Each structure stands twice: as C-alpha cells, then as structure tokens.
Amino acid sequence: MTRSTSLNAARRARELDELAAAPNVDVLVIGAGVTGAGAALDAAARGLSVLLVERHDLAFGTSRWSSKLVHGGLRYLAKAQVGVAYESARERDVLMRVTAPHLVRTMPMVVPLHEGLDTAHAAVTRAGVGMGDLLRLAAGTDKRTLPRSRRLNRVQTARLLPGVRDTGLRGGILSFDGQLTDDARLVVALARTAAGLGARVLTRCAAEQAAGDGAVLRDTLTGEQLHVRARSVINATGVYAGELVPGLRLRPSRGTHLVVPEEALGHPRTAITIPVPGSFNRFVLALPQGDGRAFVGLTDEPVEGPLPDVPEPPESDITFLLDVLNSVATSPLRRSDVIGAYAGLRPLLDTGDHSSADLSRKHAVLTSDDGVISVVGGKLTTYRNMAQEAVDAAVRTADLAAGRCRTRELPLVGAADRNTLDGVPASRRLIARYGMEASKVLDEAAGDPALLAPVVNGVTRAELRFAVRHEGALDVSDLLDRRTRIGLVPEDRVAALAAAEEALDRS
C-alpha cells in the first residue's frame, strides 16, 4: 500500500520508535546523497523493506555541489571514454523523459571559437559534439528534447553570447544538454518517492559501525543508540566510504564553482563552454540559472588529508576559473563580481593515475570481506544505474526475494510530462521546482497571501513551510542550504534567516 511521501519531524520520530521496536530490515542504505536515495528507492520499488540513514541531511554532501547538469559527457568523449559517455546519455534520457522531467530542462550551450584556439583543439571539440549527437540518438532521445548540434557563424555566436569578445571570433558550436533546476531537489524527490513506497528515511542518524548484517546507528539529535539488523548493507557515503569500509581506496577530487550575476557575463542566451588551454578534455562552463545568477565551473584538483564535511573553495580555484572565463570575455570579471562560491568532492576510485583529472568517472560496486556493498565513483547523471547495480548486488549476495528493478519507468514525486505541467495553475518558477506539487506549495499560503511574497531571490515563505512539513527540513540550514539555493550567496542567507526560523516555528 502506498504511503505518504511527506517527510517531517513527526514522521522521523514515529519511524525511529518503530525501528526500536522491530530493528530488522532487508536493506540498510547508509548515505542520503543522490546514489543512496536512488538505491533506497530502487530497493523499496522491488518490494523490500528499506532503511535509509544519513548523519546530516538529504543531499548534504557532494550531490548538492554539482554543476546542476544532466549531461551526455562531452568531456568523457574527449578522453575516448565512449562507454561512460553512452551511460550518461542513456541516463539523461531517463531523467528528462520519465524520472524527473519537471526538474530537468533543455540547455543550449555554445563553444566560442576564437583565432587563439588551435586547429586540433577545435577539431576535437567538433568531433566530440558530433559523437554526442550519435549517443543522443542511440539513447533514444528525440530531437525536440535535445536538438542536433550545429556550427554557428560569427554573427550568430555574438548574438547568443554578447559578453564574449568579438575580436578574433570565428564562430561557435551550438549543442544541447540537460540542466537540473536544483540537484538537491532531485535527491529530496528520490527520498520522498522511496518513502511513499515504504522506505524509512532518517536524517541526523549516523552509522557508527557497519557490517554486512547490520549497523550501530546513533540519533545525533538525542544521542540515543540503535542496533539495526539488515540482510544487506549498502555503503553510499561517497568520499567518506572508506570510513565505513577500511581499505577502500579513493582519490577525492575537488570541483569548485563560482556564483556570479548574469549581468557580469553580458546576459548570455546560452551556456558558455570554454576549452581549458593545454587540455583536450577539460572545459570551464558558465551556466545561466534563469534567476539572474550563473554558475561558473569547474575545477578538478586532488584533495589530500582529512575530508571536511563542507569543503571550502580556495582562492586558487577561484582565480583559475576567472582566468579561463576572462580569456573569452569582453569585459573581464573581477573578484568582486563573485557573489558566492562552492566546492564539492568527487569520490573517485584510486587507479594509480597521477592526476585526478585523468581518473575515470566509471563507478564501481564493491563487496567487502564482511559483506558491506559499497558504491563509489560515477557522477550525478548516472545515479540511477549505480543504484540499480548496488541493489542488484544486495539481492544477489543476500538472496533477497525481490521484484525486478522498476526505476527506469518510475516517475518521482511531482513528475509529469511538459503538456501536463503547463496546465498547473502556478508560476513557471514554482512548476520548475515542484512540478505537480506546485499547487500544494500554494496551499501553504491559504488564508495568508503574504506567504507568497518573495523573501530572497524569488523564494517564498510558503516554500519554506512546505519544506518543513513535507520535505524533511529540520533546521535553518536544511531550509536555506539544501531545500532552496539561498545559502549559495552569503548575503542572501543572512537576509532569509528570520523567515526560515519563522517557518520552523509555525510548521
């Protein structure tokens, strides 16, 4: 029987009590990023009893620090990783057509071709974009969703990218990819959909010890300890996977993004893809977000030593991104144009390569000697396939009585096709973030229209209340840093603090 998809403090307390009384599950998933939430959904959809635990909040780690792209893998094609690129194209198609069409939109992207770009570099880029078209066709994505790439002349390129210098501009290459409205919202939708199929979703619940037959959990809000018995345990903690399974060797890589006003980029009409000088497989992207802001990223730098819960973007990364961006800009961006910055850590497998940029983005599903199944590597776009392989391993090794994987045809909470979404009586902004649930967000303001007034950057008090009542937000950070993007700009975060506190008090 389908249960409510709403996550909130009351449900969390109730499910903790239920678990204490009967601490047995088929599958325990540790880590509620995109892969962990995806694994919980996959397992629940197969009819298994599932517990998803996270020591912080949904999408607390790497999953919220992405470029917000659902991409076909131009970079992987440049590295001749055709298999990885095809996997990306196939999973992008599933996300855009079935899983989350309300959260993913078509994004045009242009590579400006200047005289300074050597012939070989331009040829490799053109070939990679052409291969991307073939992979789109192989994945079954129709041309209305992702049109074919094409060459642009100098005038066309300048019209689309008015902030790119026209001196030496020879033209450009136009291609199309998928852009997420918000990566953290994808994770929340996955977790809520899993909850609707019976999975227990417990944030602020840390796994202090884990083995193939269960784990010792601690409620970090109360300090209470709970021993859970599981027939299978999936470790989906990303860069922290080695903390649960000693001996698992990862090479974390830092990816930094900048937040800048679109005005500083000349209000581009498409994203800008800029080849990094001296490299055939690295690009800096300037990605308009549709809210007056743009993200500029990303770096690929190895990280040594202890891993922080929240990585800080170093000045060296910020300088690098500005330098590459300014190599094509009419008016160079200054450090003061950067109104925010964020960094995430990629959980790459250690293959012995010298540079983290050369490490494969392939994922791996590994089983430890004591039976813990760890899923590492990969990227946000391919989370569904990673989750499926992890649950397949759990079913196989624990001999679980499970149905087939259904996530390829299972829409998430709020999902609908474009025609249906166009009929929802709500603003385009709300529909892009909540899909079919946009009307439920409006219901939060019933009797109090003031709740629909924007607090910061379009976000309303009604959305904050909805996040507390239905999306599992337990504190101010959950609201400002993950259920919304407000926290990406420090000044905005300060301005919205009182409204977040009020939403927690009134809900």
Protein backbone atom coordinates (compact mmCIF):
# COMPACT_ATOMS: atom_id res chain seq x y z
CA MET A 1 0.00 0.00 0.00
CA THR A 2 1.34 3.44 -0.95
CA ARG A 3 2.22 5.63 2.00
CA SER A 4 2.51 9.39 2.28
CA THR A 5 5.57 10.88 0.62
CA SER A 6 5.78 13.66 3.22
CA LEU A 7 8.90 13.75 5.40
CA ASN A 8 8.88 15.77 8.62
CA ALA A 9 9.96 15.72 12.25
CA ALA A 10 6.84 13.85 13.39
CA ARG A 11 7.33 11.06 10.87
CA ARG A 12 11.00 10.80 11.78
CA ALA A 13 10.16 10.36 15.48
CA ARG A 14 7.49 7.77 14.71
CA GLU A 15 9.75 5.72 12.47
CA LEU A 16 12.58 5.78 15.00
CA ASP A 17 10.16 4.34 17.56
CA GLU A 18 9.01 1.67 15.10
CA LEU A 19 12.59 0.75 14.33
CA ALA A 20 13.48 0.46 18.00
CA ALA A 21 10.60 -1.97 18.47
CA ALA A 22 11.45 -4.04 15.36
CA PRO A 23 15.04 -3.34 14.26
CA ASN A 24 15.08 -5.61 11.20
CA VAL A 25 15.15 -4.61 7.53
CA ASP A 26 16.02 -6.22 4.23
CA VAL A 27 18.28 -3.39 3.06
CA LEU A 28 20.05 -0.67 5.05
CA VAL A 29 21.37 2.17 2.89
CA ILE A 30 23.91 4.46 4.53
CA GLY A 31 24.27 7.90 2.96
CA ALA A 32 21.44 10.00 1.53
CA GLY A 33 23.06 11.66 -1.43
CA VAL A 34 21.75 11.03 -4.92
CA THR A 35 23.12 7.47 -5.11
CA GLY A 36 21.96 6.45 -1.63
CA ALA A 37 18.50 7.93 -2.12
CA GLY A 38 18.38 6.26 -5.53
CA ALA A 39 19.32 2.90 -4.01
CA ALA A 40 16.65 3.26 -1.31
CA LEU A 41 14.04 3.98 -3.98
CA ASP A 42 15.18 1.06 -6.14
CA ALA A 43 15.06 -1.39 -3.24
CA ALA A 44 11.68 -0.15 -1.99
CA ALA A 45 10.24 -0.35 -5.50
CA ARG A 46 11.27 -4.03 -5.61
CA GLY A 47 9.16 -4.71 -2.53
CA LEU A 48 11.99 -4.85 0.01
CA SER A 49 11.91 -3.29 3.48
CA VAL A 50 14.35 -0.39 3.41
CA LEU A 51 16.02 1.95 5.86
CA LEU A 52 17.90 4.98 4.50
CA VAL A 53 20.06 6.79 7.07
CA GLU A 54 22.13 9.96 6.82
CA ARG A 55 24.25 11.52 9.54
CA HIS A 56 23.44 15.04 8.33
CA ASP A 57 20.64 15.94 5.89
CA LEU A 58 19.42 14.83 2.49
CA ALA A 59 21.89 15.97 -0.20
CA PHE A 60 24.25 17.29 2.46
CA GLY A 61 27.43 16.30 0.60
CA THR A 62 28.63 16.11 -2.98
CA SER A 63 25.17 15.80 -4.52
CA ARG A 64 24.32 19.46 -3.87
CA TRP A 65 27.65 20.81 -5.12
CA SER A 66 27.32 19.79 -8.77
CA SER A 67 27.10 21.92 -11.92
CA LYS A 68 23.35 21.18 -11.90
CA LEU A 69 23.77 19.45 -15.27
CA VAL A 70 22.32 16.20 -16.53
CA HIS A 71 24.85 15.76 -19.27
CA GLY A 72 25.85 13.45 -22.06
CA GLY A 73 29.56 13.55 -21.31
CA LEU A 74 31.45 15.73 -23.82
CA ARG A 75 34.46 15.53 -21.51
CA TYR A 76 34.36 11.72 -21.50
CA LEU A 77 34.21 11.61 -25.28
CA ALA A 78 37.30 13.82 -25.41
CA LYS A 79 39.02 11.17 -23.27
CA ALA A 80 37.74 8.35 -25.52
CA GLN A 81 35.56 7.01 -22.66
CA VAL A 82 32.70 6.19 -25.01
CA GLY A 83 31.11 3.70 -22.60
CA VAL A 84 30.91 6.27 -19.83
CA ALA A 85 29.52 8.86 -22.24
CA TYR A 86 26.86 6.45 -23.53
CA GLU A 87 25.82 5.60 -19.97
CA SER A 88 25.45 9.33 -19.29
CA ALA A 89 23.37 9.87 -22.46
CA ARG A 90 21.11 6.92 -21.65
CA GLU A 91 20.51 8.00 -18.05
CA ARG A 92 19.99 11.61 -19.14
CA ASP A 93 17.20 10.37 -21.39
CA VAL A 94 15.51 8.54 -18.48
CA LEU A 95 15.69 11.65 -16.29
CA MET A 96 14.37 14.00 -18.96
CA ARG A 97 11.54 11.77 -20.18
CA VAL A 98 10.41 9.74 -17.16
CA THR A 99 12.06 10.21 -13.80
CA ALA A 100 12.14 13.98 -13.38
CA PRO A 101 11.03 15.93 -16.47
CA HIS A 102 9.79 18.67 -14.13
CA LEU A 103 13.30 19.18 -12.72
CA VAL A 104 15.30 18.96 -15.97
CA ARG A 105 15.13 21.38 -18.87
CA THR A 106 16.94 21.61 -22.19
CA MET A 107 20.01 23.82 -22.03
CA PRO A 108 21.68 25.22 -25.17
CA MET A 109 25.46 25.53 -24.90
CA VAL A 110 27.92 27.31 -27.18
CA VAL A 111 31.66 26.81 -27.57
CA PRO A 112 33.01 30.12 -28.94
CA LEU A 113 35.79 29.57 -31.48
CA HIS A 114 38.44 32.28 -31.42
CA GLU A 115 41.55 32.54 -33.54
CA GLY A 116 43.62 31.71 -30.46
CA LEU A 117 42.10 28.22 -30.25
CA ASP A 118 44.38 25.87 -32.16
CA THR A 119 43.00 23.84 -35.05
CA ALA A 120 43.46 20.49 -33.31
CA HIS A 121 41.57 21.65 -30.23
CA ALA A 122 38.67 22.96 -32.31
CA ALA A 123 38.57 19.74 -34.36
CA VAL A 124 38.46 17.55 -31.25
CA THR A 125 35.64 19.67 -29.81
CA ARG A 126 33.62 19.46 -33.04
CA ALA A 127 34.16 15.69 -33.21
CA GLY A 128 33.12 15.27 -29.58
CA VAL A 129 29.92 17.26 -30.08
CA GLY A 130 29.15 15.18 -33.19
CA MET A 131 29.66 11.97 -31.22
CA GLY A 132 27.31 13.39 -28.61
CA ASP A 133 24.61 13.64 -31.27
CA LEU A 134 25.10 9.97 -32.15
CA LEU A 135 24.89 8.96 -28.49
CA ARG A 136 21.70 11.01 -28.10
CA LEU A 137 20.17 9.03 -30.97
CA ALA A 138 21.42 5.75 -29.51
CA ALA A 139 19.84 6.64 -26.16
CA GLY A 140 16.51 7.29 -27.88
CA THR A 141 16.25 10.99 -27.01
CA ASP A 142 14.07 12.81 -29.53
CA LYS A 143 15.20 15.94 -31.35
CA ARG A 144 12.53 18.09 -29.71
CA THR A 145 14.06 17.38 -26.32
CA LEU A 146 17.69 17.70 -27.42
CA PRO A 147 18.15 19.14 -30.93
CA ARG A 148 21.16 18.32 -33.06
CA SER A 149 24.31 20.36 -32.67
CA ARG A 150 25.35 22.78 -35.39
CA ARG A 151 28.01 25.24 -36.40
CA LEU A 152 27.38 28.94 -35.87
CA ASN A 153 28.88 31.81 -37.77
CA ARG A 154 30.47 34.81 -36.13
CA VAL A 155 27.27 36.90 -36.07
CA GLN A 156 25.13 34.09 -34.63
CA THR A 157 27.67 33.38 -31.91
CA ALA A 158 27.94 37.03 -30.92
CA ARG A 159 24.14 37.33 -30.76
CA LEU A 160 23.87 34.39 -28.36
CA LEU A 161 26.91 35.38 -26.30
CA PRO A 162 27.02 39.19 -26.15
CA GLY A 163 29.56 39.10 -23.32
CA VAL A 164 32.11 37.14 -25.37
CA ARG A 165 34.69 39.30 -27.15
CA ASP A 166 34.16 39.52 -30.90
CA THR A 167 37.80 40.25 -31.69
CA GLY A 168 39.14 37.15 -33.39
CA LEU A 169 35.80 35.36 -33.08
CA ARG A 170 35.40 32.89 -35.97
CA GLY A 171 32.10 31.34 -34.93
CA GLY A 172 30.91 28.75 -32.47
CA ILE A 173 29.49 25.28 -31.90
CA LEU A 174 25.95 25.02 -30.56
CA SER A 175 24.91 21.86 -28.71
CA PHE A 176 22.21 20.90 -26.21
CA ASP A 177 22.24 19.18 -22.84
CA GLY A 178 20.07 18.81 -19.75
CA GLN A 179 20.06 21.24 -16.84
CA LEU A 180 18.68 20.48 -13.38
CA THR A 181 16.62 23.13 -11.68
CA ASP A 182 18.34 22.06 -8.45
CA ASP A 183 20.43 18.97 -7.69
CA ALA A 184 19.43 18.87 -4.01
CA ARG A 185 15.76 18.89 -5.02
CA LEU A 186 16.37 15.77 -7.10
CA VAL A 187 17.71 14.00 -4.00
CA VAL A 188 14.75 15.12 -1.91
CA ALA A 189 12.36 13.86 -4.59
CA LEU A 190 14.11 10.48 -4.66
CA ALA A 191 13.94 10.12 -0.87
CA ARG A 192 10.28 11.15 -0.73
CA THR A 193 9.34 8.78 -3.54
CA ALA A 194 11.10 5.98 -1.67
CA ALA A 195 9.21 6.95 1.49
CA GLY A 196 5.95 6.70 -0.43
CA LEU A 197 6.86 3.10 -1.26
CA GLY A 198 7.50 2.27 2.40
CA ALA A 199 11.16 3.14 2.93
CA ARG A 200 12.09 4.72 6.26
CA VAL A 201 14.18 7.86 5.73
CA LEU A 202 16.08 9.03 8.80
CA THR A 203 18.34 12.07 8.69
CA ARG A 204 20.55 13.05 11.66
CA CYS A 205 21.10 9.32 12.09
CA ALA A 206 24.77 8.34 11.92
CA ALA A 207 26.13 4.87 11.22
CA GLU A 208 28.93 4.49 13.78
CA GLN A 209 29.74 0.89 12.86
CA ALA A 210 28.65 -1.23 9.92
CA ALA A 211 28.97 -4.82 8.78
CA GLY A 212 27.21 -6.92 6.19
CA ASP A 213 24.47 -7.89 8.65
CA GLY A 214 23.64 -4.50 10.14
CA ALA A 215 24.92 -1.38 11.82
CA VAL A 216 25.10 0.58 15.02
CA LEU A 217 23.22 3.84 14.50
CA ARG A 218 23.09 6.96 16.62
CA ASP A 219 20.37 9.60 16.62
CA THR A 220 22.55 12.70 16.59
CA LEU A 221 19.68 14.84 17.93
CA THR A 222 19.19 12.79 21.11
CA GLY A 223 22.39 10.74 21.33
CA GLU A 224 20.38 7.50 21.56
CA GLN A 225 21.94 4.41 20.03
CA LEU A 226 20.15 1.80 17.95
CA HIS A 227 21.34 -1.60 16.70
CA VAL A 228 19.77 -2.47 13.34
CA ARG A 229 19.89 -5.91 11.77
CA ALA A 230 19.88 -5.92 7.98
CA ARG A 231 20.11 -8.72 5.46
CA SER A 232 22.17 -6.41 3.26
CA VAL A 233 24.02 -3.12 3.85
CA ILE A 234 24.80 -0.60 1.09
CA ASN A 235 27.50 1.97 1.73
CA ALA A 236 26.65 5.05 -0.36
CA THR A 237 28.63 7.63 1.62
CA GLY A 238 30.68 8.88 -1.32
CA VAL A 239 34.09 10.26 -0.43
CA TYR A 240 33.60 9.04 3.14
CA ALA A 241 33.06 5.39 2.09
CA GLY A 242 36.45 4.42 3.47
CA GLU A 243 35.36 5.43 6.98
CA LEU A 244 32.85 2.57 6.99
CA VAL A 245 34.92 0.11 4.97
CA PRO A 246 38.62 0.40 5.86
CA GLY A 247 40.88 -0.40 2.95
CA LEU A 248 38.61 1.15 0.33
CA ARG A 249 40.96 3.43 -1.61
CA LEU A 250 39.55 6.64 -3.05
CA ARG A 251 41.16 9.72 -4.57
CA PRO A 252 38.85 12.65 -3.77
CA SER A 253 38.86 15.44 -6.29
CA ARG A 254 37.61 18.97 -5.62
CA GLY A 255 35.27 20.68 -8.05
CA THR A 256 34.73 24.41 -7.41
CA HIS A 257 32.01 26.65 -8.85
CA LEU A 258 31.52 30.41 -8.68
CA VAL A 259 28.20 32.24 -8.42
CA VAL A 260 28.13 35.45 -10.47
CA PRO A 261 25.38 37.79 -11.72
CA GLU A 262 24.32 37.03 -15.30
CA GLU A 263 24.84 40.74 -15.95
CA ALA A 264 28.58 40.29 -15.42
CA LEU A 265 28.56 37.78 -18.30
CA GLY A 266 26.59 40.10 -20.60
CA HIS A 267 23.32 38.21 -20.11
CA PRO A 268 24.20 35.22 -22.33
CA ARG A 269 21.30 33.48 -24.07
CA THR A 270 23.00 30.09 -23.78
CA ALA A 271 25.58 28.47 -21.56
CA ILE A 272 29.22 29.10 -22.48
CA THR A 273 31.66 26.20 -22.87
CA ILE A 274 35.31 27.29 -22.77
CA PRO A 275 38.12 24.81 -23.50
CA VAL A 276 40.87 24.97 -20.89
CA PRO A 277 44.15 25.92 -22.60
CA GLY A 278 46.56 22.99 -22.87
CA SER A 279 43.90 20.33 -22.29
CA PHE A 280 41.68 18.43 -24.74
CA ASN A 281 39.25 17.13 -22.11
CA ARG A 282 38.71 19.99 -19.68
CA PHE A 283 36.24 22.84 -20.03
CA VAL A 284 35.04 25.75 -17.92
CA LEU A 285 31.30 26.28 -18.13
CA ALA A 286 29.28 29.44 -17.50
CA LEU A 287 25.75 28.25 -16.79
CA PRO A 288 22.84 30.75 -16.56
CA GLN A 289 20.33 29.65 -13.93
CA GLY A 290 17.29 31.61 -15.05
CA ASP A 291 17.16 33.63 -11.83
CA GLY A 292 19.66 36.36 -12.69
CA ARG A 293 22.59 34.24 -11.50
CA ALA A 294 25.07 32.00 -13.28
CA PHE A 295 27.39 29.25 -12.09
CA VAL A 296 30.96 29.14 -13.41
CA GLY A 297 32.82 25.87 -13.00
CA LEU A 298 34.54 23.68 -12.53
CA THR A 299 37.94 22.69 -11.24
CA ASP A 300 39.42 19.21 -10.83
CA GLU A 301 42.03 19.22 -8.10
CA PRO A 302 43.19 16.35 -5.85
CA VAL A 303 42.41 16.63 -2.15
CA GLU A 304 44.80 15.32 0.47
CA GLY A 305 44.36 14.80 4.19
CA PRO A 306 41.21 14.76 6.35
CA LEU A 307 37.98 15.44 4.48
CA PRO A 308 35.77 18.30 5.72
CA ASP A 309 32.00 17.98 5.94
CA VAL A 310 31.65 21.16 3.87
CA PRO A 311 34.59 21.84 1.51
CA GLU A 312 35.75 25.42 1.09
CA PRO A 313 36.69 26.69 -2.40
CA PRO A 314 40.27 28.00 -2.24
CA GLU A 315 41.29 31.28 -3.84
CA SER A 316 43.48 29.37 -6.31
CA ASP A 317 40.38 27.68 -7.75
CA ILE A 318 38.52 30.98 -7.96
CA THR A 319 41.46 32.61 -9.76
CA PHE A 320 41.72 29.71 -12.21
CA LEU A 321 38.04 29.87 -13.15
CA LEU A 322 38.09 33.64 -13.58
CA ASP A 323 41.24 33.44 -15.73
CA VAL A 324 39.72 30.88 -18.12
CA LEU A 325 36.41 32.75 -18.27
CA ASN A 326 38.15 36.07 -18.88
CA SER A 327 40.10 34.58 -21.79
CA VAL A 328 36.92 34.94 -23.87
CA ALA A 329 35.13 37.79 -22.07
CA THR A 330 34.63 41.28 -23.49
CA SER A 331 34.75 42.82 -20.01
CA PRO A 332 36.87 40.71 -17.65
CA LEU A 333 35.18 39.66 -14.42
CA ARG A 334 36.79 40.82 -11.19
CA ARG A 335 36.99 39.01 -7.87
CA SER A 336 34.29 41.37 -6.60
CA ASP A 337 31.88 40.00 -9.23
CA VAL A 338 31.92 36.65 -7.43
CA ILE A 339 28.94 36.79 -5.05
CA GLY A 340 29.25 33.19 -3.90
CA ALA A 341 31.31 30.04 -4.38
CA TYR A 342 31.01 26.38 -3.52
CA ALA A 343 33.07 23.20 -3.79
CA GLY A 344 32.27 19.51 -3.84
CA LEU A 345 34.36 16.37 -3.57
CA ARG A 346 34.18 13.63 -6.19
CA PRO A 347 34.52 10.05 -4.83
CA LEU A 348 36.93 8.78 -7.50
CA LEU A 349 38.48 5.33 -7.36
CA ASP A 350 42.26 5.34 -6.88
CA THR A 351 43.66 3.73 -10.02
CA GLY A 352 47.21 4.98 -9.59
CA ASP A 353 46.97 7.73 -12.23
CA HIS A 354 48.98 10.82 -11.46
CA SER A 355 46.25 13.42 -11.96
CA SER A 356 42.73 13.34 -10.55
CA ALA A 357 41.59 14.86 -13.86
CA ASP A 358 42.79 11.66 -15.57
CA LEU A 359 40.88 9.29 -13.29
CA SER A 360 37.94 7.51 -14.87
CA ARG A 361 34.43 8.61 -13.96
CA LYS A 362 33.30 4.99 -14.09
CA HIS A 363 31.57 3.77 -10.97
CA ALA A 364 32.23 0.55 -9.10
CA VAL A 365 30.18 -1.67 -6.80
CA LEU A 366 32.48 -3.46 -4.35
CA THR A 367 31.70 -6.00 -1.63
CA SER A 368 33.92 -6.08 1.47
CA ASP A 369 35.04 -9.25 3.24
CA ASP A 370 32.28 -8.79 5.84
CA GLY A 371 29.60 -8.23 3.19
CA VAL A 372 29.14 -4.45 3.03
CA ILE A 373 28.34 -3.35 -0.52
CA SER A 374 29.99 -0.02 -1.41
CA VAL A 375 29.10 2.00 -4.49
CA VAL A 376 31.71 4.62 -5.41
CA GLY A 377 32.82 6.74 -8.34
CA GLY A 378 30.40 7.78 -11.04
CA LYS A 379 28.51 11.06 -11.26
CA LEU A 380 25.11 12.57 -10.59
CA THR A 381 23.70 11.88 -14.07
CA THR A 382 24.22 8.12 -13.73
CA TYR A 383 22.96 7.75 -10.15
CA ARG A 384 20.04 5.50 -11.20
CA ASN A 385 22.25 2.92 -12.88
CA MET A 386 24.68 2.99 -9.96
CA ALA A 387 21.82 2.44 -7.53
CA GLN A 388 20.44 -0.42 -9.61
CA GLU A 389 23.79 -2.22 -9.66
CA ALA A 390 24.18 -1.78 -5.89
CA VAL A 391 20.70 -3.19 -5.21
CA ASP A 392 21.30 -6.00 -7.70
CA ALA A 393 24.39 -6.91 -5.67
CA ALA A 394 22.41 -6.78 -2.43
CA VAL A 395 19.67 -9.02 -3.81
CA ARG A 396 22.21 -11.48 -5.18
CA THR A 397 24.51 -11.75 -2.18
CA ALA A 398 21.74 -11.86 0.45
CA ASP A 399 19.39 -13.98 -1.67
CA LEU A 400 16.56 -11.48 -1.18
CA ALA A 401 13.11 -12.18 -2.57
CA ALA A 402 12.79 -9.05 -4.70
CA GLY A 403 10.95 -7.95 -7.79
CA ARG A 404 12.66 -6.51 -10.84
CA CYS A 405 14.19 -3.04 -10.95
CA ARG A 406 11.46 -0.50 -11.81
CA THR A 407 13.28 2.81 -11.61
CA ARG A 408 13.67 3.20 -15.37
CA GLU A 409 9.92 3.76 -15.64
CA LEU A 410 9.15 5.19 -12.18
CA PRO A 411 8.39 8.96 -12.05
CA LEU A 412 9.44 10.85 -8.94
CA VAL A 413 7.18 12.94 -6.73
CA GLY A 414 5.93 15.90 -8.76
CA ALA A 415 6.93 14.49 -12.16
CA ALA A 416 4.76 14.88 -15.25
CA ASP A 417 5.20 15.48 -18.96
CA ARG A 418 5.55 19.03 -20.24
CA ASN A 419 1.98 19.33 -21.52
CA THR A 420 0.57 18.32 -18.14
CA LEU A 421 2.89 20.66 -16.26
CA ASP A 422 1.84 23.56 -18.49
CA GLY A 423 -1.68 23.15 -17.11
CA VAL A 424 -0.69 23.53 -13.45
CA PRO A 425 -2.10 26.83 -12.04
CA ALA A 426 1.17 28.14 -10.63
CA SER A 427 4.13 30.26 -11.70
CA ARG A 428 6.72 28.82 -14.05
CA ARG A 429 9.29 29.13 -11.28
CA LEU A 430 7.26 27.00 -8.85
CA ILE A 431 6.48 24.40 -11.52
CA ALA A 432 10.19 24.13 -12.37
CA ARG A 433 10.97 23.37 -8.73
CA TYR A 434 7.95 21.36 -7.60
CA GLY A 435 6.23 20.08 -10.74
CA MET A 436 2.74 18.81 -9.99
CA GLU A 437 3.21 19.71 -6.33
CA ALA A 438 3.39 23.44 -7.10
CA SER A 439 -0.30 23.77 -6.20
CA LYS A 440 0.41 22.19 -2.80
CA VAL A 441 3.03 24.85 -2.16
CA LEU A 442 0.41 27.49 -2.94
CA ASP A 443 -1.93 25.79 -0.46
CA GLU A 444 0.56 26.64 2.29
CA ALA A 445 -0.45 30.28 1.80
CA ALA A 446 -4.19 29.64 2.02
CA GLY A 447 -5.64 32.46 4.13
CA ASP A 448 -2.35 34.33 4.24
CA PRO A 449 -1.30 35.68 0.79
CA ALA A 450 1.72 37.34 2.42
CA LEU A 451 3.37 33.90 2.48
CA LEU A 452 3.68 34.11 -1.31
CA ALA A 453 5.76 37.29 -1.21
CA PRO A 454 9.41 36.61 -2.15
CA VAL A 455 11.87 36.53 0.73
CA VAL A 456 15.09 36.36 -1.28
CA ASN A 457 15.69 35.67 -4.98
CA GLY A 458 12.10 34.55 -5.56
CA VAL A 459 11.86 32.05 -2.68
CA THR A 460 8.68 32.49 -0.63
CA ARG A 461 7.70 31.74 2.95
CA ALA A 462 5.19 29.21 1.59
CA GLU A 463 8.08 27.21 0.13
CA LEU A 464 9.92 27.26 3.42
CA ARG A 465 6.83 25.99 5.25
CA PHE A 466 6.30 23.28 2.62
CA ALA A 467 9.91 22.14 3.11
CA VAL A 468 9.35 21.71 6.86
CA ARG A 469 6.01 19.94 6.54
CA HIS A 470 6.74 17.71 3.55
CA GLU A 471 10.43 17.69 2.61
CA GLY A 472 12.09 16.71 5.89
CA ALA A 473 13.74 20.06 6.70
CA LEU A 474 14.59 20.08 10.41
CA ASP A 475 16.58 23.28 10.83
CA VAL A 476 17.58 26.57 9.22
CA SER A 477 20.48 25.04 7.30
CA ASP A 478 18.22 22.43 5.75
CA LEU A 479 15.94 25.21 4.52
CA LEU A 480 18.49 27.69 3.26
CA ASP A 481 21.31 25.44 2.08
CA ARG A 482 19.51 22.43 0.61
CA ARG A 483 15.74 22.84 0.10
CA THR A 484 16.49 26.19 -1.55
CA ARG A 485 19.63 27.72 -3.06
CA ILE A 486 19.52 30.80 -0.87
CA GLY A 487 22.67 29.83 1.06
CA LEU A 488 24.88 29.91 -2.05
CA VAL A 489 25.10 33.70 -1.64
CA PRO A 490 26.08 34.61 1.95
CA GLU A 491 24.27 37.96 1.90
CA ASP A 492 21.05 36.26 0.80
CA ARG A 493 21.38 33.71 3.55
CA VAL A 494 21.54 36.42 6.21
CA ALA A 495 18.52 38.18 4.69
CA ALA A 496 16.42 34.98 4.76
CA LEU A 497 17.40 33.77 8.22
CA ALA A 498 14.40 35.21 10.06
CA ALA A 499 11.94 33.78 7.53
CA ALA A 500 13.50 30.33 7.88
CA GLU A 501 13.27 30.46 11.64
CA GLU A 502 9.63 31.54 11.38
CA ALA A 503 8.82 28.62 9.06
CA LEU A 504 10.25 26.17 11.58
CA ASP A 505 8.30 27.76 14.45
CA ARG A 506 4.95 27.89 12.60
CA SER A 507 5.03 24.45 10.99
